[in-house]
N, C-alpha and C. Protein backbone atom coordinates (compact mmCIF):
# COMPACT_ATOMS: atom_id res chain seq x y z
N MET A 1 31.93 7.90 -74.49
CA MET A 1 31.47 9.19 -74.92
C MET A 1 30.42 9.76 -73.95
N ILE A 2 29.44 8.98 -73.58
CA ILE A 2 28.39 9.44 -72.68
C ILE A 2 28.88 9.48 -71.23
N VAL A 3 29.84 8.64 -70.90
CA VAL A 3 30.33 8.53 -69.52
C VAL A 3 31.09 9.78 -69.10
N ALA A 4 31.89 10.37 -69.98
CA ALA A 4 32.74 11.51 -69.63
C ALA A 4 31.93 12.71 -69.12
N PRO A 5 30.87 13.15 -69.82
CA PRO A 5 30.11 14.30 -69.30
C PRO A 5 29.46 14.00 -67.94
N VAL A 6 28.95 12.80 -67.78
CA VAL A 6 28.33 12.43 -66.50
C VAL A 6 29.38 12.40 -65.40
N PHE A 7 30.56 11.86 -65.72
CA PHE A 7 31.64 11.79 -64.74
C PHE A 7 32.07 13.21 -64.31
N PHE A 8 32.29 14.10 -65.27
CA PHE A 8 32.72 15.46 -64.92
C PHE A 8 31.62 16.24 -64.20
N PHE A 9 30.37 16.01 -64.60
CA PHE A 9 29.26 16.65 -63.89
C PHE A 9 29.25 16.21 -62.43
N ALA A 10 29.43 14.92 -62.19
CA ALA A 10 29.43 14.41 -60.82
C ALA A 10 30.60 14.98 -60.02
N ILE A 11 31.78 15.08 -60.63
CA ILE A 11 32.96 15.63 -59.95
C ILE A 11 32.71 17.09 -59.58
N PHE A 12 32.23 17.90 -60.54
CA PHE A 12 32.00 19.31 -60.26
C PHE A 12 30.85 19.52 -59.27
N ALA A 13 29.86 18.65 -59.30
CA ALA A 13 28.76 18.73 -58.32
C ALA A 13 29.29 18.47 -56.92
N MET A 14 30.19 17.50 -56.79
CA MET A 14 30.79 17.22 -55.47
C MET A 14 31.65 18.40 -55.00
N ILE A 15 32.39 19.00 -55.91
CA ILE A 15 33.21 20.16 -55.56
C ILE A 15 32.32 21.31 -55.11
N ASP A 16 31.27 21.60 -55.89
CA ASP A 16 30.34 22.67 -55.54
C ASP A 16 29.66 22.40 -54.19
N GLY A 17 29.22 21.18 -53.99
CA GLY A 17 28.56 20.82 -52.73
C GLY A 17 29.50 20.96 -51.55
N GLY A 18 30.76 20.53 -51.74
CA GLY A 18 31.75 20.65 -50.68
C GLY A 18 32.06 22.10 -50.34
N LEU A 19 32.20 22.94 -51.37
CA LEU A 19 32.47 24.36 -51.13
C LEU A 19 31.28 25.04 -50.46
N LEU A 20 30.06 24.66 -50.84
CA LEU A 20 28.87 25.22 -50.20
C LEU A 20 28.83 24.86 -48.72
N LEU A 21 29.03 23.58 -48.41
CA LEU A 21 29.00 23.15 -47.01
C LEU A 21 30.12 23.79 -46.21
N TYR A 22 31.31 23.91 -46.81
CA TYR A 22 32.42 24.57 -46.14
C TYR A 22 32.08 26.03 -45.83
N SER A 23 31.49 26.73 -46.81
CA SER A 23 31.15 28.14 -46.64
C SER A 23 30.09 28.33 -45.56
N ILE A 24 29.06 27.48 -45.57
CA ILE A 24 28.02 27.56 -44.55
C ILE A 24 28.63 27.35 -43.16
N ASN A 25 29.50 26.35 -43.05
CA ASN A 25 30.14 26.07 -41.77
C ASN A 25 31.04 27.22 -41.32
N ALA A 26 31.79 27.82 -42.25
CA ALA A 26 32.68 28.93 -41.91
C ALA A 26 31.90 30.13 -41.40
N VAL A 27 30.79 30.47 -42.06
CA VAL A 27 29.97 31.60 -41.61
C VAL A 27 29.32 31.27 -40.27
N ASP A 28 28.84 30.05 -40.10
CA ASP A 28 28.23 29.66 -38.84
C ASP A 28 29.24 29.73 -37.69
N GLN A 29 30.45 29.26 -37.92
CA GLN A 29 31.49 29.32 -36.89
C GLN A 29 31.85 30.76 -36.55
N SER A 30 31.93 31.62 -37.56
CA SER A 30 32.21 33.03 -37.32
C SER A 30 31.09 33.69 -36.52
N THR A 31 29.85 33.29 -36.79
CA THR A 31 28.71 33.82 -36.05
C THR A 31 28.79 33.41 -34.59
N THR A 32 29.20 32.19 -34.32
CA THR A 32 29.37 31.73 -32.94
C THR A 32 30.44 32.56 -32.24
N ILE A 33 31.55 32.81 -32.91
CA ILE A 33 32.63 33.62 -32.33
C ILE A 33 32.13 35.04 -32.06
N GLY A 34 31.38 35.60 -32.99
CA GLY A 34 30.83 36.95 -32.81
C GLY A 34 29.86 37.03 -31.65
N SER A 35 28.98 36.04 -31.51
CA SER A 35 28.01 36.06 -30.41
C SER A 35 28.72 35.90 -29.07
N ASN A 36 29.73 35.04 -29.01
CA ASN A 36 30.51 34.89 -27.78
C ASN A 36 31.22 36.19 -27.43
N SER A 37 31.73 36.88 -28.43
CA SER A 37 32.44 38.13 -28.20
C SER A 37 31.50 39.21 -27.69
N ILE A 38 30.32 39.35 -28.31
CA ILE A 38 29.34 40.34 -27.86
C ILE A 38 28.92 40.05 -26.42
N ALA A 39 28.67 38.78 -26.12
CA ALA A 39 28.29 38.40 -24.76
C ALA A 39 29.41 38.72 -23.78
N GLY A 40 30.65 38.49 -24.18
CA GLY A 40 31.77 38.74 -23.29
C GLY A 40 32.07 40.21 -23.09
N LEU A 41 31.85 41.04 -24.12
CA LEU A 41 32.14 42.46 -24.02
C LEU A 41 31.05 43.23 -23.27
N GLY A 42 29.83 42.67 -23.22
CA GLY A 42 28.76 43.27 -22.42
C GLY A 42 28.47 44.71 -22.76
N LEU A 43 28.74 45.62 -21.80
CA LEU A 43 28.40 47.03 -21.95
C LEU A 43 29.47 47.87 -22.64
N ALA A 44 30.52 47.26 -23.12
CA ALA A 44 31.58 48.02 -23.81
C ALA A 44 30.97 48.74 -25.01
N SER A 45 31.27 50.02 -25.16
CA SER A 45 30.63 50.80 -26.22
C SER A 45 30.99 50.32 -27.62
N ASN A 46 32.11 49.61 -27.76
CA ASN A 46 32.52 49.11 -29.07
C ASN A 46 32.25 47.62 -29.25
N ALA A 47 31.33 47.06 -28.47
CA ALA A 47 31.09 45.61 -28.47
C ALA A 47 30.75 45.07 -29.86
N ASP A 48 29.86 45.75 -30.58
CA ASP A 48 29.46 45.26 -31.91
C ASP A 48 30.62 45.29 -32.89
N ILE A 49 31.29 46.44 -32.98
CA ILE A 49 32.37 46.61 -33.94
C ILE A 49 33.52 45.64 -33.64
N ALA A 50 33.91 45.56 -32.37
CA ALA A 50 35.01 44.66 -31.98
C ALA A 50 34.66 43.21 -32.29
N SER A 51 33.41 42.84 -32.08
CA SER A 51 32.98 41.46 -32.33
C SER A 51 32.99 41.14 -33.82
N ILE A 52 32.56 42.09 -34.64
CA ILE A 52 32.58 41.87 -36.09
C ILE A 52 34.03 41.75 -36.57
N GLN A 53 34.92 42.54 -36.00
CA GLN A 53 36.32 42.43 -36.37
C GLN A 53 36.90 41.08 -35.94
N LYS A 54 36.47 40.56 -34.79
CA LYS A 54 36.90 39.22 -34.38
C LYS A 54 36.38 38.16 -35.34
N MET A 55 35.15 38.34 -35.84
CA MET A 55 34.60 37.40 -36.82
C MET A 55 35.44 37.42 -38.09
N ALA A 56 35.89 38.60 -38.50
CA ALA A 56 36.73 38.70 -39.69
C ALA A 56 38.05 37.97 -39.48
N THR A 57 38.62 38.14 -38.30
CA THR A 57 39.87 37.46 -37.97
C THR A 57 39.67 35.95 -37.96
N ALA A 58 38.48 35.51 -37.55
CA ALA A 58 38.17 34.08 -37.47
C ALA A 58 37.83 33.46 -38.82
N GLY A 59 37.72 34.28 -39.86
CA GLY A 59 37.50 33.70 -41.18
C GLY A 59 36.27 34.20 -41.92
N LEU A 60 35.46 35.06 -41.30
CA LEU A 60 34.32 35.62 -42.02
C LEU A 60 34.86 36.58 -43.06
N GLN A 61 34.53 36.33 -44.31
CA GLN A 61 35.03 37.20 -45.37
C GLN A 61 34.15 37.13 -46.59
N THR A 62 34.29 38.15 -47.40
CA THR A 62 33.61 38.18 -48.69
C THR A 62 34.61 37.70 -49.73
N THR A 63 34.24 36.66 -50.46
CA THR A 63 35.11 36.10 -51.49
C THR A 63 34.34 36.07 -52.81
N SER A 64 34.93 35.42 -53.81
CA SER A 64 34.23 35.31 -55.09
C SER A 64 33.01 34.39 -54.97
N LEU A 65 32.97 33.54 -53.95
CA LEU A 65 31.83 32.62 -53.77
C LEU A 65 30.86 33.08 -52.68
N VAL A 66 31.38 33.73 -51.64
CA VAL A 66 30.54 34.16 -50.52
C VAL A 66 30.60 35.68 -50.43
N LYS A 67 29.42 36.31 -50.37
CA LYS A 67 29.35 37.76 -50.21
C LYS A 67 28.49 38.06 -48.99
N VAL A 68 29.12 38.59 -47.94
CA VAL A 68 28.39 38.98 -46.74
C VAL A 68 27.70 40.30 -47.05
N THR A 69 26.37 40.33 -46.96
CA THR A 69 25.63 41.53 -47.32
C THR A 69 25.25 42.39 -46.12
N GLU A 70 25.03 41.76 -44.96
CA GLU A 70 24.62 42.54 -43.78
C GLU A 70 24.86 41.74 -42.52
N ILE A 71 25.23 42.45 -41.46
CA ILE A 71 25.36 41.86 -40.14
C ILE A 71 24.47 42.66 -39.21
N ASP A 72 23.54 41.99 -38.55
CA ASP A 72 22.59 42.65 -37.64
C ASP A 72 22.78 42.17 -36.21
N VAL A 73 22.78 43.11 -35.28
CA VAL A 73 22.75 42.80 -33.85
C VAL A 73 21.38 43.25 -33.37
N GLN A 74 20.56 42.31 -32.92
CA GLN A 74 19.15 42.58 -32.61
C GLN A 74 18.86 42.35 -31.12
N GLU A 75 18.08 43.28 -30.54
CA GLU A 75 17.57 43.06 -29.18
C GLU A 75 16.27 42.28 -29.30
N LEU A 76 16.16 41.19 -28.56
CA LEU A 76 14.97 40.35 -28.62
C LEU A 76 14.04 40.67 -27.46
N VAL A 77 12.75 40.44 -27.68
CA VAL A 77 11.75 40.66 -26.64
C VAL A 77 11.84 39.55 -25.61
N THR A 78 12.02 39.92 -24.36
CA THR A 78 12.08 38.93 -23.28
C THR A 78 10.69 38.36 -23.06
N ASN A 79 10.59 37.05 -22.88
CA ASN A 79 9.28 36.43 -22.69
C ASN A 79 8.71 36.73 -21.31
N ALA A 80 7.46 36.34 -21.08
CA ALA A 80 6.75 36.69 -19.85
C ALA A 80 7.43 36.12 -18.60
N THR A 81 8.05 34.96 -18.72
CA THR A 81 8.69 34.34 -17.55
C THR A 81 10.14 34.82 -17.37
N LYS A 82 10.61 35.67 -18.27
CA LYS A 82 11.96 36.27 -18.23
C LYS A 82 13.09 35.24 -18.26
N ASP A 83 12.80 34.06 -18.79
CA ASP A 83 13.85 33.04 -18.89
C ASP A 83 14.24 32.75 -20.33
N GLY A 84 13.75 33.56 -21.25
CA GLY A 84 14.04 33.37 -22.66
C GLY A 84 13.48 34.54 -23.45
N PHE A 85 13.37 34.36 -24.76
CA PHE A 85 12.84 35.42 -25.61
C PHE A 85 11.58 34.95 -26.31
N SER A 86 10.74 35.91 -26.68
CA SER A 86 9.48 35.62 -27.36
C SER A 86 9.73 35.30 -28.83
N VAL A 87 8.87 34.45 -29.38
CA VAL A 87 9.00 34.08 -30.79
C VAL A 87 7.66 34.26 -31.50
N HIS A 88 7.74 34.42 -32.80
CA HIS A 88 6.55 34.48 -33.65
C HIS A 88 6.02 33.06 -33.85
N ALA A 89 4.87 32.95 -34.48
CA ALA A 89 4.26 31.64 -34.73
C ALA A 89 5.16 30.73 -35.56
N ASP A 90 5.99 31.31 -36.43
CA ASP A 90 6.89 30.50 -37.26
C ASP A 90 8.21 30.15 -36.55
N GLY A 91 8.35 30.58 -35.29
CA GLY A 91 9.54 30.25 -34.51
C GLY A 91 10.67 31.27 -34.59
N THR A 92 10.51 32.31 -35.40
CA THR A 92 11.55 33.34 -35.48
C THR A 92 11.48 34.25 -34.26
N PRO A 93 12.62 34.75 -33.80
CA PRO A 93 12.63 35.61 -32.62
C PRO A 93 11.87 36.92 -32.86
N GLN A 94 11.23 37.42 -31.81
CA GLN A 94 10.52 38.69 -31.88
C GLN A 94 11.50 39.80 -31.49
N ILE A 95 11.61 40.82 -32.33
CA ILE A 95 12.57 41.90 -32.11
C ILE A 95 11.92 43.03 -31.32
N GLN A 96 12.66 43.53 -30.33
CA GLN A 96 12.19 44.65 -29.51
C GLN A 96 12.04 45.89 -30.38
N THR A 97 11.04 46.71 -30.10
CA THR A 97 10.85 47.97 -30.82
C THR A 97 11.02 49.13 -29.83
N GLY A 98 11.01 50.35 -30.37
CA GLY A 98 11.12 51.54 -29.52
C GLY A 98 12.50 52.15 -29.50
N CYS A 99 13.40 51.71 -30.37
CA CYS A 99 14.74 52.28 -30.43
C CYS A 99 14.79 53.36 -31.51
N ALA A 100 15.07 54.58 -31.11
CA ALA A 100 15.11 55.70 -32.05
C ALA A 100 16.09 55.42 -33.17
N GLY A 101 15.64 55.64 -34.40
CA GLY A 101 16.51 55.45 -35.55
C GLY A 101 16.56 54.03 -36.07
N GLY A 102 15.86 53.12 -35.39
CA GLY A 102 15.85 51.73 -35.84
C GLY A 102 14.99 51.54 -37.07
N PRO A 103 15.22 50.48 -37.83
CA PRO A 103 14.45 50.24 -39.04
C PRO A 103 13.03 49.78 -38.74
N THR A 104 12.17 49.85 -39.74
CA THR A 104 10.82 49.31 -39.64
C THR A 104 10.84 47.91 -40.24
N GLY A 105 10.31 46.96 -39.50
CA GLY A 105 10.32 45.58 -39.97
C GLY A 105 9.07 44.85 -39.57
N VAL A 106 9.15 43.54 -39.46
CA VAL A 106 8.02 42.67 -39.14
C VAL A 106 7.39 43.05 -37.80
N ASP A 107 8.24 43.43 -36.83
CA ASP A 107 7.73 43.72 -35.49
C ASP A 107 7.31 45.16 -35.30
N GLY A 108 7.48 46.00 -36.31
CA GLY A 108 7.01 47.38 -36.24
C GLY A 108 8.11 48.39 -36.50
N PRO A 109 7.79 49.68 -36.26
CA PRO A 109 8.79 50.73 -36.49
C PRO A 109 9.80 50.78 -35.35
N ASN A 110 10.96 51.35 -35.65
CA ASN A 110 12.02 51.55 -34.66
C ASN A 110 12.45 50.25 -33.98
N GLU A 111 12.65 49.21 -34.81
CA GLU A 111 13.16 47.95 -34.25
C GLU A 111 14.57 48.17 -33.71
N CYS A 112 14.88 47.48 -32.63
CA CYS A 112 16.19 47.61 -31.98
C CYS A 112 17.20 46.71 -32.69
N ILE A 113 17.62 47.18 -33.86
CA ILE A 113 18.58 46.44 -34.69
C ILE A 113 19.71 47.38 -35.07
N ASN A 114 20.92 46.97 -34.80
CA ASN A 114 22.10 47.68 -35.28
C ASN A 114 22.55 46.95 -36.54
N ARG A 115 22.54 47.66 -37.66
CA ARG A 115 22.87 47.05 -38.95
C ARG A 115 24.25 47.50 -39.40
N TYR A 116 25.00 46.52 -39.91
CA TYR A 116 26.34 46.80 -40.40
C TYR A 116 26.52 46.13 -41.76
N THR A 117 27.28 46.78 -42.63
CA THR A 117 27.74 46.12 -43.84
C THR A 117 29.19 45.74 -43.60
N PHE A 118 29.67 44.80 -44.38
CA PHE A 118 30.98 44.22 -44.12
C PHE A 118 31.68 43.95 -45.44
N SER A 119 32.89 44.43 -45.52
CA SER A 119 33.68 44.17 -46.72
C SER A 119 35.13 44.01 -46.27
N GLY A 120 35.64 42.82 -46.41
CA GLY A 120 36.98 42.57 -45.90
C GLY A 120 36.99 42.72 -44.39
N SER A 121 37.81 43.61 -43.88
CA SER A 121 37.82 43.85 -42.44
C SER A 121 37.16 45.17 -42.09
N ALA A 122 36.61 45.87 -43.09
CA ALA A 122 35.95 47.15 -42.84
C ALA A 122 34.50 46.92 -42.41
N VAL A 123 34.10 47.62 -41.36
CA VAL A 123 32.73 47.52 -40.86
C VAL A 123 32.10 48.89 -41.02
N VAL A 124 30.93 48.95 -41.64
CA VAL A 124 30.27 50.22 -41.89
C VAL A 124 28.87 50.18 -41.31
N ALA A 125 28.54 51.19 -40.51
CA ALA A 125 27.20 51.30 -39.96
C ALA A 125 26.24 51.73 -41.05
N THR A 126 25.01 51.22 -41.00
CA THR A 126 24.01 51.60 -42.00
C THR A 126 22.78 52.16 -41.29
N ASP A 127 21.77 52.46 -42.04
CA ASP A 127 20.51 53.02 -41.55
C ASP A 127 20.65 54.50 -41.19
N ALA A 128 19.67 55.01 -40.47
CA ALA A 128 19.57 56.44 -40.22
C ALA A 128 20.75 56.99 -39.42
N TRP A 129 21.38 56.16 -38.64
CA TRP A 129 22.44 56.67 -37.78
C TRP A 129 23.81 56.65 -38.43
N SER A 130 23.90 56.28 -39.71
CA SER A 130 25.21 56.24 -40.36
C SER A 130 25.82 57.64 -40.45
N SER A 131 24.98 58.69 -40.58
CA SER A 131 25.53 60.05 -40.60
C SER A 131 26.10 60.40 -39.24
N CYS A 132 25.50 59.90 -38.18
CA CYS A 132 26.04 60.10 -36.84
C CYS A 132 27.41 59.44 -36.74
N ALA A 133 27.55 58.25 -37.32
CA ALA A 133 28.82 57.53 -37.27
C ALA A 133 29.90 58.30 -38.01
N SER A 134 29.54 58.91 -39.15
CA SER A 134 30.56 59.61 -39.91
C SER A 134 30.96 60.91 -39.22
N SER A 135 30.04 61.54 -38.49
CA SER A 135 30.40 62.79 -37.82
C SER A 135 31.18 62.53 -36.54
N SER A 136 30.87 61.47 -35.83
CA SER A 136 31.57 61.19 -34.58
C SER A 136 32.82 60.35 -34.79
N GLY A 137 32.86 59.62 -35.90
CA GLY A 137 33.99 58.75 -36.16
C GLY A 137 33.89 57.41 -35.45
N ASP A 138 32.89 57.23 -34.61
CA ASP A 138 32.75 55.98 -33.86
C ASP A 138 31.32 55.49 -33.99
N PRO A 139 31.06 54.52 -34.87
CA PRO A 139 29.68 54.08 -35.09
C PRO A 139 29.06 53.40 -33.87
N SER A 140 29.87 52.99 -32.90
CA SER A 140 29.30 52.35 -31.72
C SER A 140 28.60 53.35 -30.80
N GLN A 141 28.78 54.67 -31.04
CA GLN A 141 28.22 55.68 -30.15
C GLN A 141 26.77 56.03 -30.46
N CYS A 142 26.26 55.66 -31.61
CA CYS A 142 24.94 56.15 -31.96
C CYS A 142 24.05 55.16 -32.72
N PRO A 143 24.19 53.85 -32.51
CA PRO A 143 23.23 52.95 -33.16
C PRO A 143 21.89 52.99 -32.43
N PRO A 144 20.83 52.41 -33.04
CA PRO A 144 19.53 52.38 -32.37
C PRO A 144 19.58 51.68 -31.00
N TRP A 145 20.42 50.66 -30.86
CA TRP A 145 20.53 49.92 -29.60
C TRP A 145 21.98 49.91 -29.16
N PRO A 146 22.46 51.01 -28.58
CA PRO A 146 23.88 51.09 -28.22
C PRO A 146 24.29 50.02 -27.22
N PRO A 147 25.45 49.41 -27.40
CA PRO A 147 25.91 48.40 -26.45
C PRO A 147 25.97 48.92 -25.02
N SER A 148 26.24 50.20 -24.85
CA SER A 148 26.41 50.76 -23.50
C SER A 148 25.11 50.82 -22.69
N VAL A 149 23.95 50.62 -23.34
CA VAL A 149 22.68 50.66 -22.59
C VAL A 149 22.03 49.28 -22.47
N ARG A 150 22.73 48.26 -22.87
CA ARG A 150 22.17 46.91 -22.80
C ARG A 150 22.06 46.47 -21.34
N ASN A 151 21.01 45.70 -21.06
CA ASN A 151 20.79 45.22 -19.70
C ASN A 151 21.63 43.98 -19.44
N VAL A 152 22.58 44.11 -18.55
CA VAL A 152 23.41 42.97 -18.18
C VAL A 152 23.62 42.95 -16.67
N VAL A 153 22.51 43.09 -15.93
CA VAL A 153 22.55 42.97 -14.48
C VAL A 153 21.55 41.90 -14.07
N ASN A 154 21.70 41.35 -12.88
CA ASN A 154 20.84 40.25 -12.44
C ASN A 154 19.37 40.61 -12.61
N GLY A 155 18.64 39.74 -13.25
CA GLY A 155 17.21 39.92 -13.43
C GLY A 155 16.82 40.74 -14.64
N LEU A 156 17.77 41.39 -15.30
CA LEU A 156 17.43 42.27 -16.42
C LEU A 156 18.23 41.99 -17.67
N SER A 157 18.84 40.83 -17.78
CA SER A 157 19.72 40.55 -18.92
C SER A 157 18.97 40.59 -20.25
N SER A 158 19.59 41.22 -21.23
CA SER A 158 19.01 41.30 -22.57
C SER A 158 19.25 40.00 -23.33
N PHE A 159 18.31 39.67 -24.19
CA PHE A 159 18.48 38.56 -25.13
C PHE A 159 18.82 39.17 -26.48
N VAL A 160 19.78 38.58 -27.14
CA VAL A 160 20.36 39.15 -28.35
C VAL A 160 20.36 38.11 -29.47
N ALA A 161 20.21 38.60 -30.70
CA ALA A 161 20.39 37.75 -31.88
C ALA A 161 21.47 38.39 -32.75
N LEU A 162 22.38 37.58 -33.23
CA LEU A 162 23.38 38.02 -34.20
C LEU A 162 23.05 37.32 -35.51
N LYS A 163 22.74 38.11 -36.52
CA LYS A 163 22.30 37.56 -37.80
C LYS A 163 23.23 38.02 -38.91
N ILE A 164 23.75 37.06 -39.66
CA ILE A 164 24.60 37.37 -40.81
C ILE A 164 23.84 36.95 -42.07
N SER A 165 23.62 37.90 -42.95
CA SER A 165 22.99 37.62 -44.25
C SER A 165 24.09 37.59 -45.30
N TYR A 166 24.06 36.55 -46.12
CA TYR A 166 25.09 36.41 -47.15
C TYR A 166 24.53 35.65 -48.34
N SER A 167 25.24 35.77 -49.45
CA SER A 167 24.86 35.01 -50.65
C SER A 167 26.01 34.08 -51.02
N TYR A 168 25.65 32.97 -51.62
CA TYR A 168 26.64 32.00 -52.09
C TYR A 168 26.45 31.79 -53.58
N ARG A 169 27.56 31.90 -54.32
CA ARG A 169 27.55 31.65 -55.77
C ARG A 169 28.31 30.37 -56.04
N PHE A 170 27.68 29.45 -56.77
CA PHE A 170 28.33 28.18 -57.09
C PHE A 170 29.58 28.39 -57.93
N PHE A 171 30.60 27.61 -57.64
CA PHE A 171 31.87 27.66 -58.34
C PHE A 171 31.68 27.44 -59.83
N THR A 172 30.79 26.52 -60.21
CA THR A 172 30.57 26.21 -61.62
C THR A 172 29.52 27.11 -62.27
N ASP A 173 28.93 27.99 -61.50
CA ASP A 173 27.90 28.93 -61.99
C ASP A 173 26.65 28.25 -62.53
N VAL A 174 26.39 27.01 -62.13
CA VAL A 174 25.21 26.32 -62.65
C VAL A 174 23.97 26.55 -61.80
N GLY A 175 24.13 26.95 -60.55
CA GLY A 175 22.97 27.06 -59.66
C GLY A 175 22.55 28.46 -59.33
N GLY A 176 23.18 29.47 -59.91
CA GLY A 176 22.84 30.84 -59.54
C GLY A 176 23.32 31.14 -58.13
N ASN A 177 22.73 32.15 -57.50
CA ASN A 177 23.10 32.54 -56.15
C ASN A 177 22.07 32.06 -55.14
N PHE A 178 22.54 31.63 -53.98
CA PHE A 178 21.67 31.31 -52.86
C PHE A 178 21.81 32.40 -51.83
N ASN A 179 20.69 32.92 -51.32
CA ASN A 179 20.73 33.87 -50.22
C ASN A 179 20.52 33.10 -48.93
N LEU A 180 21.47 33.21 -48.01
CA LEU A 180 21.46 32.42 -46.79
C LEU A 180 21.62 33.34 -45.58
N THR A 181 21.27 32.83 -44.40
CA THR A 181 21.50 33.56 -43.16
C THR A 181 22.05 32.61 -42.11
N ALA A 182 22.84 33.17 -41.22
CA ALA A 182 23.29 32.45 -40.03
C ALA A 182 22.77 33.26 -38.85
N LEU A 183 22.16 32.61 -37.88
CA LEU A 183 21.54 33.30 -36.74
C LEU A 183 21.93 32.60 -35.45
N LYS A 184 22.44 33.38 -34.51
CA LYS A 184 22.73 32.88 -33.17
C LYS A 184 21.98 33.74 -32.18
N THR A 185 21.27 33.12 -31.27
CA THR A 185 20.58 33.84 -30.20
C THR A 185 21.28 33.51 -28.89
N PHE A 186 21.37 34.50 -28.01
CA PHE A 186 22.07 34.29 -26.75
C PHE A 186 21.61 35.33 -25.74
N ARG A 187 21.99 35.11 -24.50
CA ARG A 187 21.65 36.01 -23.41
C ARG A 187 22.93 36.69 -22.92
N LEU A 188 22.85 38.00 -22.70
CA LEU A 188 23.97 38.71 -22.10
C LEU A 188 23.97 38.38 -20.61
N GLU A 189 25.04 37.81 -20.14
CA GLU A 189 25.11 37.41 -18.74
C GLU A 189 25.40 38.62 -17.85
N PRO A 190 24.88 38.59 -16.62
CA PRO A 190 25.10 39.72 -15.70
C PRO A 190 26.59 39.97 -15.47
N GLU A 191 26.95 41.27 -15.44
CA GLU A 191 28.32 41.66 -15.16
C GLU A 191 28.50 42.13 -13.72
N THR A 192 27.41 42.66 -13.15
CA THR A 192 27.47 43.13 -11.78
C THR A 192 26.26 42.63 -11.04
N ASN A 193 26.34 42.59 -9.74
CA ASN A 193 25.20 42.18 -8.95
C ASN A 193 24.34 43.38 -8.60
N ALA A 194 23.05 43.25 -8.81
CA ALA A 194 22.14 44.32 -8.41
C ALA A 194 21.95 44.26 -6.91
N SER A 195 21.92 45.41 -6.27
CA SER A 195 21.76 45.39 -4.82
C SER A 195 20.33 45.59 -4.40
């Protein structure tokens, strides 16, 4: 009598734990694919949108257990030695500011963050420039940090962070929702040689 509830609790806990680990791994793998795609597309005006669509093809999706709430492409502050990016005392990357229309955050107003919402394979631009996206039909043309102005020449390469915010709901509904993030930082490699 006492063994059955404990046995089923253990079985469902293993199922929930396995689904959680699988979901975390799937989002992390999709983030890696997205960061590789952004790095590879460089100055292409549709780099962000195309990369998010590649992540969707690779398995990033909103399901009954995982809900992707936001995808951010962030310009990071290059450190003094220009061989990496600056970080805060807690180790989080410092975001570049000065991009018109960018959000206000920890690093100040006009942070260089392109924010997207994601549902299925649809990608929607958010923040102040979303009206620009709806009028032009191409959200890659007017984000705070357009891909076409990113530094990808020798000595001036931009450092980028791709951040996916998502929530996970346990299959058995015993643990509530967990809010999680996946973050990949990378450098845009030079595409042309500076003379």
